Amino acid sequence: MTDLSTEIPVRAMLNDDARDDLLTRGYGRRDLARIGTIFGVGAMASATLGRPAWASGGVPDPASTAKTRIGANECWTGPLPPGQKAAAATIALGNRYEPNVIRPSFVRTIAAVENVPEDHVAPWPGSSDPLSRAVVTFCSPTRALVTADPTFELAGRTAAWLGAPVKTVPLKPDLTHDVKAMLAADPNPGLIYICSPNNPTGTVTPLADIEWLIANKPADTMVLVDEAYTHFAGVPVASYLATKYPDVIVLRTFSKLFGMAGLRLGFIMTNPANIAKMMRYDGGMQSGAITVSTVACGTASLKATDLIVARRKTMEEARAMTLAHLTKRGVTFKRTDSNMFMIDWKTKPAKDMQTAFRAQSVEIGRSWPIWPTVSRITVGSMTDMRNFCLALDKILLA
């Protein structure tokens, strides 16, 4: 089979700035072609060549047919009502690429809510693309990614695909990021990835720890703070770090509390120079390629402060009921600050327990290699979690 990546002119996929930067950082021409087919204007080549494992579009497995779906950290219900109403109103305007300045309104709303300048905000279709793109932009064969273990693996998978070193650091006993060990893991990494609340543990790393890391890291190392689950935690957020420091990226998504996983919307907050670096692989095409209905939904949802608080309270009540049931049954679980928690089955492999719950029409989450007997459970609706508890009782009595 012909390797088409070597036949597609690199200049047709990457501009001079992006190409020169990648070569300077240690990538080879074959690497440039592969990166270009994913992020550059060589989209047709990408379709021919196939996408790397990390670019799966947010669909790691076939959709579950289970009655109770608490395995993928999705919200148990759809977008907030004001978001649904705003999205529906834009359908009739779909003949225009940008009707009624919908995208600028989204950026202005983020800037106002997060107290950051508008030029520090860049929208994306979800958060997977900018997360992987940050790894491409700041890591290289000579500049490592430093990440926690366990955590969301997308950054690590991207770095491995690129051929960049990946340094993993276990979480602290309290399940927060061990920022001092992360700093010691590599003398000059390209990017340090902090997921807070962390996926899969749901635990929040204190902002003071993150700021200590930023203050003590090498000068040209980037820090990416992934706050996908922050609205479920209701804690102070890291957005101020994006304006206080030029080498920090704060990542958000609407796929979690806002119930928009299938609509694909996210954004980053960072210095405008970093936004320009991340966009140069495709000239900003991905950042601009978001449907107006999705953007309108996100804008209205961000303003619905009372509904955000109410949805978080609904999750907290369902979580409390579930954890109380686990305690009553003597099942070991790890502490959490968010809409997920980890159960340690002790002597039972997590894969076997996932199969057992599936037989009860309850789809729970997966495990991580570092904890093979531990399953991640998403907190769904109260009904979802009651179904989970009933299934658990049946399994324990089997």
Foldseek 3Di string as FASTA:
>chain_A
DDPCLVVDDLVQQFPPVLVVLQVVQPDDSSLSSLLSCVQTPVVVVCVVNDHDPLPPVLDNDPDDPFPFEFARQFAQDAFDVLLQVQLVVCPVVQVDLQPPNLVVLLLVLCCVLLVHDSLQKFKFQFFSLVLLLLLSLFFALVAAEEEEPPFPCSNVSSCVVRNGHYFYHYADPLRARPLVVSQVRDQGHREYEHEAVTPPAQHGHDPVSVVVSVVPHPPNHAYEYEDAFVLLLVDDDDLVVQVVDQRYKYKYGCRHLRRCVVQGMIMIGHPSVVVCSSNSSYVCPRSSPHRSSSSSSSSSRSPPVVVSVVSSVQLVVLVVVLVVLCVVVVWDWRDHSGQKTKTQPPPDFQVVVQVQVVVLSHHHHADGPVRRRMTMTGRYGSVSSVSVSVSVVVVVVD
